[in-house]
Amino acid sequence: MKKYILVALLLLSPLLGLRIVNCELCNAYAAKPDKQIVVLSVDLHCQGCIDKIMKNIAFEKGVKDIVCDLKTKTVTVTYNPSKTDVPTLLKAFEKIKKPATVVQPATV
């Protein structure tokens, strides 16, 4: 609800003659990216490994998209950083007996 009020104020501020200077709430919403991408190295052998990852990791909180590459044995995970982080994702991979290591750190 706060987000909608904030957006409304920002859009209507020029019409109302308001001037918003250094609003902490505005900065907090602007500073949080809604997605990050991390590339993980995972020991993938077959399509069954990919299916296992897709069935389990896709339902972790904050995960938006997963792309598995069997040739390079990498998994690219797009996630919401306000809901999860890389250590949590690594634990999720360990839980399904597919340990992962970070190849490329999280980027926007």
Protein backbone atom coordinates (compact mmCIF):
# COMPACT_ATOMS: atom_id res chain seq x y z
CA MET A 1 0.00 0.00 0.00
CA LYS A 2 2.84 2.38 0.87
CA LYS A 3 4.35 1.76 -2.54
CA TYR A 4 1.16 2.86 -4.34
CA ILE A 5 0.84 5.98 -2.22
CA LEU A 6 4.48 6.80 -2.88
CA VAL A 7 4.05 6.37 -6.64
CA ALA A 8 0.91 8.51 -6.59
CA LEU A 9 2.72 11.27 -4.70
CA LEU A 10 5.66 11.17 -7.07
CA LEU A 11 3.41 11.36 -10.13
CA LEU A 12 1.16 14.08 -8.73
CA SER A 13 3.86 16.16 -7.04
CA PRO A 14 4.47 18.48 -10.03
CA LEU A 15 0.72 19.10 -10.40
CA LEU A 16 0.29 19.81 -6.70
CA GLY A 17 3.34 22.03 -6.55
CA LEU A 18 5.15 19.64 -4.21
CA ARG A 19 8.88 19.29 -4.34
CA ILE A 20 10.25 16.04 -2.93
CA VAL A 21 13.85 16.37 -1.81
CA ASN A 22 15.85 13.43 -0.44
CA CYS A 23 12.94 11.24 0.64
CA GLU A 24 14.27 8.21 2.57
CA LEU A 25 11.28 6.08 1.61
CA CYS A 26 11.77 6.96 -2.07
CA ASN A 27 15.46 6.06 -1.86
CA ALA A 28 14.67 2.74 -0.16
CA TYR A 29 12.33 1.66 -2.95
CA ALA A 30 14.64 2.95 -5.67
CA ALA A 31 17.71 1.20 -4.25
CA LYS A 32 16.22 -2.32 -4.27
CA PRO A 33 16.52 -4.05 -7.61
CA ASP A 34 13.69 -6.48 -8.27
CA LYS A 35 15.95 -9.16 -9.75
CA GLN A 36 19.49 -10.44 -9.77
CA ILE A 37 21.15 -13.18 -11.78
CA VAL A 38 23.74 -15.66 -10.52
CA VAL A 39 25.50 -18.39 -12.50
CA LEU A 40 26.25 -21.58 -10.59
CA SER A 41 28.38 -24.57 -11.50
CA VAL A 42 26.50 -27.81 -10.79
CA ASP A 43 27.47 -31.41 -11.56
CA LEU A 44 24.81 -32.19 -14.18
CA HIS A 45 24.87 -35.62 -15.83
CA CYS A 46 21.57 -35.96 -17.66
CA GLN A 47 18.10 -34.59 -18.24
CA GLY A 48 17.05 -36.19 -14.94
CA CYS A 49 19.44 -33.88 -13.07
CA ILE A 50 17.92 -30.87 -14.83
CA ASP A 51 14.38 -32.07 -14.04
CA LYS A 52 15.32 -32.48 -10.38
CA ILE A 53 16.63 -28.91 -10.25
CA MET A 54 13.63 -27.49 -12.10
CA LYS A 55 11.15 -29.28 -9.82
CA ASN A 56 12.82 -28.24 -6.56
CA ILE A 57 14.75 -24.99 -6.99
CA ALA A 58 12.04 -23.31 -9.07
CA PHE A 59 9.78 -23.32 -6.01
CA GLU A 60 12.29 -21.74 -3.64
CA LYS A 61 11.07 -18.40 -2.34
CA GLY A 62 12.19 -15.52 -4.59
CA VAL A 63 13.31 -17.61 -7.58
CA LYS A 64 11.93 -16.14 -10.80
CA ASP A 65 13.67 -18.16 -13.52
CA ILE A 66 16.13 -21.04 -13.93
CA VAL A 67 18.11 -21.95 -17.03
CA CYS A 68 20.13 -25.18 -16.97
CA ASP A 69 22.90 -25.86 -19.49
CA LEU A 70 23.97 -29.50 -19.64
CA LYS A 71 26.96 -28.82 -21.92
CA THR A 72 28.62 -26.26 -19.65
CA LYS A 73 27.17 -27.79 -16.46
CA THR A 74 25.89 -24.43 -15.27
CA VAL A 75 22.61 -23.21 -13.84
CA THR A 76 21.61 -19.57 -14.22
CA VAL A 77 19.17 -18.45 -11.53
CA THR A 78 17.22 -15.20 -11.69
CA TYR A 79 15.89 -14.26 -8.25
CA ASN A 80 14.44 -11.46 -6.17
CA PRO A 81 17.19 -10.29 -3.76
CA SER A 82 14.67 -9.02 -1.22
CA LYS A 83 13.30 -12.56 -0.82
CA THR A 84 16.39 -14.76 -1.12
CA ASP A 85 20.15 -14.62 -1.56
CA VAL A 86 23.00 -16.71 -2.98
CA PRO A 87 23.83 -18.62 0.26
CA THR A 88 20.18 -19.65 0.57
CA LEU A 89 20.17 -20.84 -3.04
CA LEU A 90 23.37 -22.83 -2.45
CA LYS A 91 21.74 -24.51 0.57
CA ALA A 92 18.73 -25.41 -1.59
CA PHE A 93 21.05 -27.13 -4.09
CA GLU A 94 22.77 -29.02 -1.25
CA LYS A 95 19.37 -30.15 0.01
CA ILE A 96 18.67 -31.95 -3.29
CA LYS A 97 22.19 -33.45 -3.31
CA LYS A 98 23.44 -31.23 -6.14
CA PRO A 99 26.14 -29.02 -4.54
CA ALA A 100 26.73 -25.81 -6.44
CA THR A 101 29.51 -23.23 -6.58
CA VAL A 102 29.28 -19.66 -7.79
CA VAL A 103 30.80 -19.13 -11.25
CA GLN A 104 29.59 -15.59 -11.82
CA PRO A 105 28.49 -13.48 -8.83
CA ALA A 106 25.03 -11.95 -8.72
CA THR A 107 24.41 -9.20 -11.25
CA VAL A 108 21.41 -7.11 -12.16
